[in-house]
Amino acid sequence: MWIQTTDPLGNGLLSALTAAVPILVFLIGLVVLKLKGIVAAAIALVAEVLVAVLVFGMPAPAAAGAGLLGLLTAIWPIAYIIVMAVWLYRLAVVSGRFAVIRASIGGISSDQRIQVLLISFSFGAFLEGAAGFGVPIAICAALLVQLGFRPVKAAMLSLVANAGAGAYGAIGIPVIVGAQVTGIDVSELSRALVVLLQPLTLLIPFLLVMILDGWRGLRETWPATLVVTVVFSGIQAGVLWFLGPELADVGAGLGAMVAVFLLGRVWQPRRIFREDGAEAPVVERHSLGAIVSAWSPFYILTAFILIWSIPAFKELFTTGPLSGTVFTWPIAGLTGEVGYENGDVVSAAFSLTPLNATGTAILLAVIVSFLTTSALHLRDLFHELWRTIAELWQALVLIALILMLANIANYSGGSASMGAALAATGPVFPLLAPIIGWIGVFLTGSVVNNNTLFGPLQVATAERIGVDPALLVAGNTAGGTTAKVVSPQSIAIAAGAVGLAGREGEILRAAIGYSLGMLAFICAWSFLLALLF
């Protein structure tokens, strides 16, 4: 049995710096050499294998097993969930239902302050939960421009609003991955995010209104702003606490939109605010039946995810009659062949869960939505699946490469080595933990990739300084969410959506202050929570 070591060079700082080389290679490849993400990640993976085997002494079979586990995890459940979610969204677009959804939202109010709460914050969160991967930023920014917003303002507002939902995008994948790579229970990490991130989420609707119209706007629209923030945060926190991350954005976004719609039947601001003072553009009107029908794919999705989240349903596959449908294989080279310095032995396994996987719930929603949509034909179903895979394959390969790198770093002792060095900052580290997440998302553009890269590092550090690991991983996630506001990928998506390609700097300058301000809030709150708990 090979015993993992965290200080192979006899100097803790030097060992940690060596362990950090693959991550630095990846970041330099992205930022300095301007390489494509998958190229930079492939080079970093080679560097990780060399560091693990040649410096930390990890046996080649153990490195291969760790890499294989990362690859399998990237395929199942991560790629499965992502492809199914985006496939469902694309079918809604091609069927024409999504155009009705957009029009139904844009027609609720002509006041731009209400529109930004409905579209960028509420509808954007719904899209983040249903599809993620830049979809909400592109759609919401473009929709705001269609409703008369200035392009830079529309892009910036949609980027800032996404901070309330980015941690739980694509059916909770960032949290699910964060839990998988760190060994933290998904429910525990979800609850830590409620405590850490929810105070900021409560403030974002107020911030959006103030960006548009200052304190006067807040005074004139406080009933709508308060309703949005209370309903959205209440549902999001409740779903996270009791069910998990899968429906945190979908449920909160839907709930907030319904709440504003109902409020609009009895209340409207006395002064209709338009940035340029012009009349609001005409929005296409649809019957209530058409609107209800247009939203149906997402009602179906919510129903299936809710069923899959019920504890009694989950028990069917753990101790119940369907436990035989869960297939588990120990990973050769790791299980029983790698030990920790404290005497524990690694037990690593890959589980294939065809029936109770979240991706299967989304697949069933796709099938039912297809069968109930007369405008779709069988060729549309498979054509959109092919287009989904064609558009996402590079992002999925990048996730796989980073998961392989992270797993090798974890099982070689590299992550623990870096954690030991960071632990030297002692009780100050919780103040810095979200900054690491901010840097990770700014460079990779993904909260998923950020948690994969730095989640294990946060856990290793937490264990050494006596802080709850879930809090630091939540800090990593929350800090990363604030970076999505200004990550180059997000800025590029927003610029393209509003017709400002080549003028990304204008959007960045408009958004950077809000990103850093939200990061400072998360850092201070994380540090206070670490002191209290």
Protein backbone atom coordinates (compact mmCIF):
# COMPACT_ATOMS: atom_id res chain seq x y z
CA MET A 1 0.00 0.00 0.00
CA TRP A 2 1.25 3.45 -0.91
CA ILE A 3 0.96 6.06 1.87
CA GLN A 4 0.08 9.55 0.71
CA THR A 5 2.39 12.33 1.94
CA THR A 6 1.78 16.07 2.06
CA ASP A 7 5.44 17.11 2.33
CA PRO A 8 7.53 15.04 -0.09
CA LEU A 9 10.30 17.68 -0.33
CA GLY A 10 10.85 18.13 3.40
CA ASN A 11 9.75 21.75 3.23
CA GLY A 12 6.04 22.49 3.58
CA LEU A 13 6.06 25.69 1.54
CA LEU A 14 8.16 24.22 -1.27
CA SER A 15 5.97 21.12 -1.43
CA ALA A 16 2.83 23.29 -1.60
CA LEU A 17 4.27 25.47 -4.37
CA THR A 18 5.16 22.36 -6.34
CA ALA A 19 1.64 20.99 -5.84
CA ALA A 20 0.27 24.29 -7.18
CA VAL A 21 2.25 24.07 -10.43
CA PRO A 22 -0.52 22.36 -12.48
CA ILE A 23 -3.08 24.98 -11.42
CA LEU A 24 -0.63 27.76 -12.27
CA VAL A 25 0.03 26.12 -15.64
CA PHE A 26 -3.71 26.10 -16.33
CA LEU A 27 -4.18 29.73 -15.31
CA ILE A 28 -1.13 30.93 -17.27
CA GLY A 29 -2.35 29.02 -20.30
CA LEU A 30 -5.71 30.79 -20.11
CA VAL A 31 -4.63 34.29 -19.17
CA VAL A 32 -1.11 34.79 -20.55
CA LEU A 33 -0.90 32.41 -23.50
CA LYS A 34 -4.59 32.84 -24.44
CA LEU A 35 -4.98 29.10 -25.06
CA LYS A 36 -8.36 27.47 -25.44
CA GLY A 37 -9.71 26.11 -22.19
CA ILE A 38 -9.43 22.45 -23.20
CA VAL A 39 -5.84 22.92 -24.44
CA ALA A 40 -4.78 24.67 -21.23
CA ALA A 41 -6.53 22.01 -19.14
CA ALA A 42 -4.90 19.15 -21.11
CA ILE A 43 -1.43 20.63 -20.54
CA ALA A 44 -2.23 21.18 -16.86
CA LEU A 45 -3.40 17.56 -16.55
CA VAL A 46 -0.06 16.32 -17.92
CA ALA A 47 1.70 18.60 -15.43
CA GLU A 48 -0.45 17.19 -12.61
CA VAL A 49 0.44 13.60 -13.50
CA LEU A 50 4.16 14.48 -13.54
CA VAL A 51 3.98 16.27 -10.18
CA ALA A 52 1.94 13.48 -8.58
CA VAL A 53 4.15 10.64 -9.82
CA LEU A 54 7.62 12.22 -9.81
CA VAL A 55 7.37 14.54 -6.79
CA PHE A 56 4.71 13.06 -4.51
CA GLY A 57 5.66 9.49 -5.42
CA MET A 58 2.14 8.42 -6.43
CA PRO A 59 2.17 5.04 -8.18
CA ALA A 60 1.14 5.19 -11.84
CA PRO A 61 -1.84 2.80 -11.32
CA ALA A 62 -3.13 5.07 -8.52
CA ALA A 63 -2.80 8.16 -10.75
CA ALA A 64 -4.61 6.33 -13.54
CA GLY A 65 -7.39 5.26 -11.16
CA ALA A 66 -7.83 8.82 -9.85
CA GLY A 67 -8.00 10.17 -13.40
CA LEU A 68 -10.50 7.50 -14.42
CA LEU A 69 -12.74 8.35 -11.47
CA GLY A 70 -12.69 12.02 -12.52
CA LEU A 71 -13.56 11.12 -16.11
CA LEU A 72 -16.43 8.83 -15.09
CA THR A 73 -17.82 11.46 -12.71
CA ALA A 74 -17.70 14.06 -15.50
CA ILE A 75 -19.78 11.77 -17.71
CA TRP A 76 -22.18 10.60 -15.00
CA PRO A 77 -23.92 12.51 -13.60
CA ILE A 78 -22.51 15.89 -14.66
CA ALA A 79 -22.59 15.73 -18.48
CA TYR A 80 -25.86 13.80 -18.32
CA ILE A 81 -27.58 16.57 -16.34
CA ILE A 82 -26.16 19.41 -18.42
CA VAL A 83 -27.08 17.90 -21.79
CA MET A 84 -30.60 16.97 -20.69
CA ALA A 85 -31.26 20.45 -19.23
CA VAL A 86 -30.06 22.36 -22.29
CA TRP A 87 -31.90 19.90 -24.58
CA LEU A 88 -35.19 20.69 -22.81
CA TYR A 89 -34.55 24.43 -23.15
CA ARG A 90 -33.71 24.14 -26.86
CA LEU A 91 -36.91 22.20 -27.53
CA ALA A 92 -38.89 24.99 -25.87
CA VAL A 93 -37.19 27.49 -28.19
CA VAL A 94 -37.65 25.56 -31.42
CA SER A 95 -41.31 24.80 -30.62
CA GLY A 96 -42.08 28.53 -30.36
CA ARG A 97 -43.08 28.26 -26.71
CA PHE A 98 -40.15 30.30 -25.52
CA ALA A 99 -41.22 33.32 -27.59
CA VAL A 100 -44.58 33.23 -25.78
CA ILE A 101 -42.77 32.97 -22.42
CA ARG A 102 -40.68 36.05 -23.22
CA ALA A 103 -43.70 38.07 -24.34
CA SER A 104 -45.72 37.08 -21.27
CA ILE A 105 -43.00 38.41 -18.99
CA GLY A 106 -42.32 41.59 -20.94
CA GLY A 107 -46.02 42.51 -20.93
CA ILE A 108 -46.52 42.50 -17.15
CA SER A 109 -45.28 46.07 -16.67
CA SER A 110 -43.89 48.89 -18.82
CA ASP A 111 -41.89 50.27 -15.87
CA GLN A 112 -38.24 49.38 -16.44
CA ARG A 113 -37.59 48.98 -12.72
CA ILE A 114 -40.24 46.26 -12.54
CA GLN A 115 -39.01 44.76 -15.81
CA VAL A 116 -35.47 44.31 -14.52
CA LEU A 117 -36.80 42.51 -11.42
CA LEU A 118 -38.95 40.26 -13.58
CA ILE A 119 -36.52 39.57 -16.40
CA SER A 120 -32.91 39.87 -15.26
CA PHE A 121 -33.47 38.67 -11.69
CA SER A 122 -36.49 36.33 -11.63
CA PHE A 123 -36.62 35.01 -15.19
CA GLY A 124 -32.81 34.95 -15.31
CA ALA A 125 -32.72 32.78 -12.20
CA PHE A 126 -35.28 30.44 -13.71
CA LEU A 127 -33.15 30.08 -16.86
CA GLU A 128 -29.99 29.64 -14.79
CA GLY A 129 -31.63 26.75 -12.98
CA ALA A 130 -33.04 25.19 -16.13
CA ALA A 131 -30.03 25.52 -18.44
CA GLY A 132 -27.16 27.65 -17.10
CA PHE A 133 -24.00 28.04 -19.20
CA GLY A 134 -24.58 31.69 -20.16
CA VAL A 135 -28.16 31.12 -21.39
CA PRO A 136 -29.80 33.50 -18.86
CA ILE A 137 -27.32 36.32 -19.44
CA ALA A 138 -27.74 36.18 -23.22
CA ILE A 139 -31.53 35.91 -23.23
CA CYS A 140 -32.24 38.44 -20.49
CA ALA A 141 -29.83 41.08 -21.82
CA ALA A 142 -31.29 40.76 -25.33
CA LEU A 143 -34.84 40.93 -23.99
CA LEU A 144 -34.10 44.10 -22.01
CA VAL A 145 -32.74 45.76 -25.16
CA GLN A 146 -35.91 44.77 -27.01
CA LEU A 147 -37.90 46.47 -24.23
CA GLY A 148 -35.98 49.75 -24.62
CA PHE A 149 -33.00 49.43 -22.27
CA ARG A 150 -29.65 50.84 -23.35
CA PRO A 151 -27.34 47.98 -24.41
CA VAL A 152 -24.56 48.51 -21.85
CA LYS A 153 -27.06 48.94 -19.03
CA ALA A 154 -29.01 45.85 -20.14
CA ALA A 155 -25.88 43.72 -20.19
CA MET A 156 -24.60 45.00 -16.86
CA LEU A 157 -27.95 44.54 -15.09
CA SER A 158 -28.28 40.97 -16.35
CA LEU A 159 -24.74 40.17 -15.18
CA VAL A 160 -25.30 41.63 -11.71
CA ALA A 161 -28.68 39.91 -11.35
CA ASN A 162 -27.10 36.54 -12.15
CA ALA A 163 -25.18 36.68 -8.85
CA GLY A 164 -28.40 35.68 -7.08
CA ALA A 165 -28.67 32.44 -9.04
CA GLY A 166 -25.24 31.49 -10.41
CA ALA A 167 -24.36 29.19 -7.52
CA TYR A 168 -27.17 26.76 -8.38
CA GLY A 169 -27.17 26.80 -12.19
CA ALA A 170 -28.06 23.89 -14.49
CA ILE A 171 -30.13 21.94 -11.94
CA GLY A 172 -27.73 22.53 -9.05
CA ILE A 173 -24.59 21.21 -10.78
CA PRO A 174 -22.09 23.63 -9.08
CA VAL A 175 -23.21 22.48 -5.63
CA ILE A 176 -23.47 18.81 -6.62
CA VAL A 177 -19.95 18.85 -8.05
CA GLY A 178 -18.61 20.79 -5.06
CA ALA A 179 -20.03 18.12 -2.76
CA GLN A 180 -18.66 15.26 -4.87
CA VAL A 181 -15.07 16.48 -5.09
CA THR A 182 -14.87 17.44 -1.42
CA GLY A 183 -16.75 14.56 0.16
CA ILE A 184 -19.23 16.93 1.83
CA ASP A 185 -22.87 15.89 1.89
CA VAL A 186 -24.90 17.83 -0.70
CA SER A 187 -27.50 18.80 1.91
CA GLU A 188 -24.83 20.11 4.27
CA LEU A 189 -23.23 22.23 1.55
CA SER A 190 -26.65 23.51 0.43
CA ARG A 191 -27.47 24.65 3.96
CA ALA A 192 -24.08 26.32 4.34
CA LEU A 193 -24.85 28.30 1.18
CA VAL A 194 -28.18 29.38 2.62
CA VAL A 195 -26.39 30.87 5.62
CA LEU A 196 -23.56 32.42 3.63
CA LEU A 197 -25.09 33.56 0.33
CA GLN A 198 -28.73 34.30 1.15
CA PRO A 199 -28.09 37.69 2.80
CA LEU A 200 -26.50 38.91 -0.44
CA THR A 201 -29.32 37.44 -2.52
CA LEU A 202 -31.82 39.38 -0.40
CA LEU A 203 -30.06 42.63 -1.29
CA ILE A 204 -29.64 42.14 -5.05
CA PRO A 205 -33.19 43.21 -6.11
CA PHE A 206 -32.76 46.46 -4.18
CA LEU A 207 -29.36 46.97 -5.82
CA LEU A 208 -30.81 46.47 -9.32
CA VAL A 209 -33.52 49.09 -8.78
CA MET A 210 -30.99 51.55 -7.36
CA ILE A 211 -28.68 51.05 -10.34
CA LEU A 212 -31.56 52.09 -12.58
CA ASP A 213 -33.19 54.90 -10.62
CA GLY A 214 -31.39 55.48 -7.32
CA TRP A 215 -33.13 55.97 -3.98
CA ARG A 216 -36.14 57.56 -5.62
CA GLY A 217 -36.73 54.41 -7.63
CA LEU A 218 -36.48 52.31 -4.49
CA ARG A 219 -39.02 54.50 -2.69
CA GLU A 220 -41.47 54.27 -5.60
CA THR A 221 -41.16 50.52 -6.23
CA TRP A 222 -40.48 49.15 -2.74
CA PRO A 223 -43.65 46.97 -2.69
CA ALA A 224 -42.54 45.09 -5.82
CA THR A 225 -38.89 44.95 -4.75
CA LEU A 226 -39.79 43.65 -1.32
CA VAL A 227 -42.17 41.03 -2.75
CA VAL A 228 -39.51 39.81 -5.19
CA THR A 229 -36.74 39.54 -2.62
CA VAL A 230 -38.89 37.89 0.08
CA VAL A 231 -40.55 35.37 -2.23
CA PHE A 232 -37.41 34.58 -4.21
CA SER A 233 -35.10 34.23 -1.21
CA GLY A 234 -37.72 32.41 0.83
CA ILE A 235 -38.31 29.77 -1.83
CA GLN A 236 -34.62 29.46 -2.70
CA ALA A 237 -33.59 29.05 0.92
CA GLY A 238 -36.42 26.60 1.63
CA VAL A 239 -35.62 24.42 -1.38
CA LEU A 240 -31.92 24.39 -0.55
CA TRP A 241 -32.52 23.58 3.11
CA PHE A 242 -35.09 20.82 2.70
CA LEU A 243 -34.67 19.43 -0.84
CA GLY A 244 -31.23 20.30 -2.18
CA PRO A 245 -29.87 22.52 -4.97
CA GLU A 246 -31.63 21.06 -8.02
CA LEU A 247 -34.72 23.31 -7.98
CA ALA A 248 -33.33 26.23 -5.98
CA ASP A 249 -33.28 28.60 -8.98
CA VAL A 250 -36.18 27.17 -10.97
CA GLY A 251 -38.57 27.34 -8.02
CA ALA A 252 -37.40 30.72 -6.79
CA GLY A 253 -37.54 32.31 -10.24
CA LEU A 254 -41.01 30.97 -10.98
CA GLY A 255 -42.30 31.99 -7.55
CA ALA A 256 -40.98 35.54 -7.87
CA MET A 257 -42.50 35.98 -11.34
CA VAL A 258 -45.89 34.77 -10.19
CA ALA A 259 -45.72 37.04 -7.12
CA VAL A 260 -44.98 40.14 -9.22
CA PHE A 261 -47.73 39.22 -11.68
CA LEU A 262 -50.27 38.94 -8.86
CA LEU A 263 -49.04 42.16 -7.25
CA GLY A 264 -49.40 43.93 -10.58
CA ARG A 265 -53.11 43.17 -10.59
CA VAL A 266 -53.61 45.38 -7.51
CA TRP A 267 -50.61 47.75 -7.54
CA GLN A 268 -48.52 49.69 -10.04
CA PRO A 269 -45.95 52.44 -9.38
CA ARG A 270 -47.46 55.93 -9.70
CA ARG A 271 -44.68 57.03 -12.03
CA ILE A 272 -43.71 54.78 -14.94
CA PHE A 273 -39.93 54.93 -15.23
CA ARG A 274 -38.22 54.81 -18.62
CA GLU A 275 -34.51 55.62 -18.98
CA ASP A 276 -35.00 57.83 -22.05
CA GLY A 277 -38.51 59.00 -21.22
CA ALA A 278 -39.87 57.38 -24.37
CA GLU A 279 -42.91 55.18 -24.67
CA ALA A 280 -42.46 51.49 -23.98
CA PRO A 281 -42.27 49.28 -27.10
CA VAL A 282 -45.35 47.26 -27.93
CA VAL A 283 -45.18 43.71 -26.61
CA GLU A 284 -47.02 40.89 -28.35
CA ARG A 285 -50.00 39.69 -26.31
CA HIS A 286 -51.04 36.07 -25.86
CA SER A 287 -54.04 34.38 -24.28
CA LEU A 288 -53.81 32.91 -20.81
CA GLY A 289 -54.16 29.43 -22.28
CA ALA A 290 -51.24 30.01 -24.65
CA ILE A 291 -49.08 31.29 -21.81
CA VAL A 292 -49.90 28.34 -19.55
CA SER A 293 -49.15 25.95 -22.41
CA ALA A 294 -45.86 27.70 -23.19
CA TRP A 295 -44.62 27.25 -19.64
CA SER A 296 -45.63 23.58 -19.48
CA PRO A 297 -42.19 22.03 -20.18
CA PHE A 298 -40.88 23.72 -17.07
CA TYR A 299 -43.87 22.73 -14.93
CA ILE A 300 -43.20 19.16 -16.00
CA LEU A 301 -39.49 19.52 -15.22
CA THR A 302 -40.28 20.89 -11.76
CA ALA A 303 -42.66 18.02 -11.02
CA PHE A 304 -40.15 15.33 -11.96
CA ILE A 305 -37.28 16.97 -10.05
CA LEU A 306 -39.51 17.31 -6.99
CA ILE A 307 -40.36 13.61 -7.11
CA TRP A 308 -36.69 12.70 -7.51
CA SER A 309 -35.85 14.93 -4.49
CA ILE A 310 -38.33 13.34 -2.08
CA PRO A 311 -36.49 11.33 0.62
CA ALA A 312 -38.95 8.43 0.30
CA PHE A 313 -38.18 8.20 -3.43
CA LYS A 314 -34.43 8.26 -2.75
CA GLU A 315 -34.79 5.48 -0.19
CA LEU A 316 -36.18 3.19 -2.88
CA PHE A 317 -32.67 3.10 -4.36
CA THR A 318 -30.68 2.88 -1.12
CA THR A 319 -32.48 0.42 1.15
CA GLY A 320 -35.68 -0.17 -0.85
CA PRO A 321 -36.72 -2.60 -3.58
CA LEU A 322 -34.92 -0.68 -6.34
CA SER A 323 -31.50 -0.76 -4.69
CA GLY A 324 -30.49 -3.39 -7.23
CA THR A 325 -30.61 -0.76 -9.98
CA VAL A 326 -27.63 1.07 -8.46
CA PHE A 327 -24.33 -0.31 -9.75
CA THR A 328 -21.08 0.41 -7.90
CA TRP A 329 -17.53 -0.45 -8.92
CA PRO A 330 -14.42 0.11 -6.77
CA ILE A 331 -11.68 2.01 -8.56
CA ALA A 332 -8.59 -0.12 -9.14
CA GLY A 333 -5.35 1.50 -8.06
CA LEU A 334 -7.10 3.51 -5.32
CA THR A 335 -9.40 1.36 -3.20
CA GLY A 336 -7.33 -0.53 -0.63
CA GLU A 337 -4.10 0.52 -2.34
CA VAL A 338 -3.70 4.12 -1.13
CA GLY A 339 -3.53 5.15 2.50
CA TYR A 340 -3.46 8.45 4.37
CA GLU A 341 -0.87 9.55 6.91
CA ASN A 342 -3.45 9.18 9.71
CA GLY A 343 -3.84 5.46 8.97
CA ASP A 344 -7.10 5.61 6.99
CA VAL A 345 -7.36 3.70 3.72
CA VAL A 346 -8.88 5.08 0.51
CA SER A 347 -12.19 3.57 -0.55
CA ALA A 348 -13.05 5.09 -3.93
CA ALA A 349 -15.93 3.83 -6.06
CA PHE A 350 -17.98 4.90 -9.06
CA SER A 351 -21.77 4.53 -8.88
CA LEU A 352 -24.02 4.30 -11.91
CA THR A 353 -27.62 5.18 -11.07
CA PRO A 354 -29.71 4.97 -14.27
CA LEU A 355 -33.14 5.40 -12.68
CA ASN A 356 -32.70 7.80 -9.77
CA ALA A 357 -30.22 10.16 -11.44
CA THR A 358 -31.30 13.79 -11.75
CA GLY A 359 -30.54 13.60 -15.45
CA THR A 360 -33.14 10.86 -15.83
CA ALA A 361 -35.76 13.11 -14.25
CA ILE A 362 -34.92 15.79 -16.83
CA LEU A 363 -34.99 13.20 -19.63
CA LEU A 364 -38.51 12.20 -18.61
CA ALA A 365 -39.50 15.88 -18.67
CA VAL A 366 -38.08 16.10 -22.21
CA ILE A 367 -40.11 13.05 -23.32
CA VAL A 368 -43.39 14.22 -21.78
CA SER A 369 -42.91 17.76 -23.14
CA PHE A 370 -42.24 16.36 -26.61
CA LEU A 371 -45.31 14.15 -26.52
CA THR A 372 -47.51 17.09 -25.47
CA THR A 373 -46.14 19.56 -28.07
CA SER A 374 -47.79 19.16 -31.45
CA ALA A 375 -45.38 21.62 -33.09
CA LEU A 376 -42.44 19.23 -32.52
CA HIS A 377 -41.63 16.25 -34.71
CA LEU A 378 -39.34 13.31 -34.01
CA ARG A 379 -36.65 14.77 -36.23
CA ASP A 380 -36.74 17.99 -34.13
CA LEU A 381 -36.20 15.95 -30.97
CA PHE A 382 -33.01 14.28 -32.18
CA HIS A 383 -31.78 17.29 -34.15
CA GLU A 384 -31.87 19.47 -31.03
CA LEU A 385 -30.11 16.76 -29.01
CA TRP A 386 -27.34 16.68 -31.62
CA ARG A 387 -27.08 20.48 -31.64
CA THR A 388 -26.94 20.51 -27.84
CA ILE A 389 -24.05 18.07 -27.77
CA ALA A 390 -22.29 19.89 -30.62
CA GLU A 391 -22.48 23.20 -28.76
CA LEU A 392 -21.54 21.82 -25.34
CA TRP A 393 -18.84 19.25 -26.12
CA GLN A 394 -15.92 21.60 -25.48
CA ALA A 395 -17.36 22.71 -22.13
CA LEU A 396 -17.96 19.06 -21.17
CA VAL A 397 -14.43 18.02 -22.16
CA LEU A 398 -13.04 20.91 -20.12
CA ILE A 399 -15.04 19.79 -17.08
CA ALA A 400 -13.74 16.23 -17.53
CA LEU A 401 -10.10 17.34 -17.78
CA ILE A 402 -10.38 19.52 -14.69
CA LEU A 403 -12.10 16.76 -12.71
CA MET A 404 -9.31 14.35 -13.66
CA LEU A 405 -6.70 16.90 -12.57
CA ALA A 406 -8.49 17.59 -9.30
CA ASN A 407 -8.87 13.91 -8.43
CA ILE A 408 -5.19 13.19 -9.03
CA ALA A 409 -4.27 16.20 -6.89
CA ASN A 410 -6.58 15.00 -4.11
CA TYR A 411 -5.37 11.39 -4.00
CA SER A 412 -1.68 12.25 -4.46
CA GLY A 413 -1.66 14.56 -1.43
CA GLY A 414 -1.22 17.72 -3.51
CA SER A 415 -4.44 19.39 -2.35
CA ALA A 416 -3.66 18.62 1.29
CA SER A 417 -0.16 20.03 0.82
CA MET A 418 -1.53 23.33 -0.51
CA GLY A 419 -4.09 23.36 2.29
CA ALA A 420 -1.37 22.95 4.89
CA ALA A 421 0.46 25.99 3.50
CA LEU A 422 -2.70 28.11 3.39
CA ALA A 423 -3.50 27.04 6.95
CA ALA A 424 -0.52 29.14 8.01
CA THR A 425 -2.76 32.19 7.62
CA GLY A 426 -4.72 30.73 10.53
CA PRO A 427 -8.05 32.28 11.48
CA VAL A 428 -7.72 34.92 8.74
CA PHE A 429 -8.19 32.35 5.97
CA PRO A 430 -12.04 32.42 5.96
CA LEU A 431 -11.70 36.07 4.94
CA LEU A 432 -9.66 35.01 1.91
CA ALA A 433 -11.54 31.83 0.92
CA PRO A 434 -14.14 33.60 -1.28
CA ILE A 435 -11.34 35.47 -3.09
CA ILE A 436 -9.91 32.14 -4.23
CA GLY A 437 -13.34 31.28 -5.64
CA TRP A 438 -13.59 34.69 -7.31
CA ILE A 439 -10.25 34.16 -9.06
CA GLY A 440 -11.25 30.64 -10.10
CA VAL A 441 -14.48 31.74 -11.81
CA PHE A 442 -12.97 34.89 -13.30
CA LEU A 443 -10.41 32.73 -15.09
CA THR A 444 -12.49 29.66 -15.95
CA GLY A 445 -15.93 31.29 -16.30
CA SER A 446 -17.54 28.39 -14.44
CA VAL A 447 -18.56 27.87 -10.81
CA VAL A 448 -18.45 24.12 -11.55
CA ASN A 449 -14.81 24.24 -12.66
CA ASN A 450 -13.95 26.56 -9.80
CA ASN A 451 -15.34 24.17 -7.19
CA THR A 452 -13.56 21.27 -8.86
CA LEU A 453 -10.23 23.08 -8.79
CA PHE A 454 -10.35 24.72 -5.39
CA GLY A 455 -13.02 22.87 -3.38
CA PRO A 456 -10.61 20.19 -2.11
CA LEU A 457 -8.10 22.92 -1.24
CA GLN A 458 -10.71 24.71 0.87
CA VAL A 459 -11.53 21.46 2.71
CA ALA A 460 -7.87 20.67 3.38
CA THR A 461 -7.34 24.14 4.79
CA ALA A 462 -10.53 24.07 6.86
CA GLU A 463 -9.54 20.83 8.55
CA ARG A 464 -6.17 22.28 9.56
CA ILE A 465 -7.50 25.55 10.99
CA GLY A 466 -10.55 24.02 12.68
CA VAL A 467 -13.26 25.64 10.54
CA ASP A 468 -16.33 23.87 9.15
CA PRO A 469 -15.27 22.64 5.66
CA ALA A 470 -18.78 23.23 4.31
CA LEU A 471 -18.47 26.92 5.16
CA LEU A 472 -15.25 27.36 3.18
CA VAL A 473 -16.53 25.39 0.18
CA ALA A 474 -19.67 27.55 0.33
CA GLY A 475 -17.37 30.59 0.44
CA ASN A 476 -15.54 29.28 -2.60
CA THR A 477 -18.87 28.88 -4.40
CA ALA A 478 -20.27 32.25 -3.30
CA GLY A 479 -17.08 34.13 -4.16
CA GLY A 480 -17.08 32.46 -7.55
CA THR A 481 -20.68 33.48 -8.15
CA THR A 482 -19.77 37.16 -7.74
CA ALA A 483 -16.99 36.70 -10.32
CA LYS A 484 -19.46 35.56 -12.98
CA VAL A 485 -20.49 39.21 -13.18
CA VAL A 486 -17.14 40.09 -14.79
CA SER A 487 -15.60 36.85 -16.06
CA PRO A 488 -14.45 37.25 -19.68
CA GLN A 489 -16.82 34.49 -20.84
CA SER A 490 -19.84 36.16 -19.23
CA ILE A 491 -18.86 39.57 -20.60
CA ALA A 492 -18.44 38.14 -24.10
CA ILE A 493 -21.86 36.45 -23.95
CA ALA A 494 -23.52 39.64 -22.75
CA ALA A 495 -21.78 41.80 -25.37
CA GLY A 496 -22.82 39.48 -28.19
CA ALA A 497 -26.41 39.38 -26.96
CA VAL A 498 -26.84 43.18 -27.00
CA GLY A 499 -24.88 43.86 -30.19
CA LEU A 500 -21.74 45.22 -28.53
CA ALA A 501 -19.19 42.63 -29.71
CA GLY A 502 -15.78 44.30 -29.60
CA ARG A 503 -16.91 46.72 -26.88
CA GLU A 504 -16.65 44.30 -23.97
CA GLY A 505 -14.55 46.82 -22.03
CA GLU A 506 -17.53 49.14 -21.63
CA ILE A 507 -19.58 46.39 -20.00
CA LEU A 508 -16.65 45.33 -17.80
CA ARG A 509 -16.14 48.88 -16.54
CA ALA A 510 -19.85 49.18 -15.77
CA ALA A 511 -19.97 45.88 -13.83
CA ILE A 512 -16.60 45.54 -12.06
CA GLY A 513 -17.48 47.72 -9.07
CA TYR A 514 -20.59 45.68 -8.28
CA SER A 515 -18.68 42.40 -8.56
CA LEU A 516 -15.96 43.55 -6.16
CA GLY A 517 -18.50 45.06 -3.77
CA MET A 518 -20.45 41.79 -3.58
CA LEU A 519 -17.18 39.88 -3.10
CA ALA A 520 -16.22 42.14 -0.20
CA PHE A 521 -19.61 41.48 1.41
CA ILE A 522 -19.17 37.71 1.08
CA CYS A 523 -15.61 37.85 2.46
CA ALA A 524 -16.66 39.83 5.53
CA TRP A 525 -19.72 37.65 6.18
CA SER A 526 -17.69 34.44 5.73
CA PHE A 527 -15.10 35.66 8.22
CA LEU A 528 -17.79 36.60 10.76
CA LEU A 529 -19.51 33.21 10.40
CA ALA A 530 -16.20 31.42 10.94
CA LEU A 531 -15.67 33.38 14.15
CA LEU A 532 -19.20 32.66 15.38
CA PHE A 533 -19.38 28.97 14.46
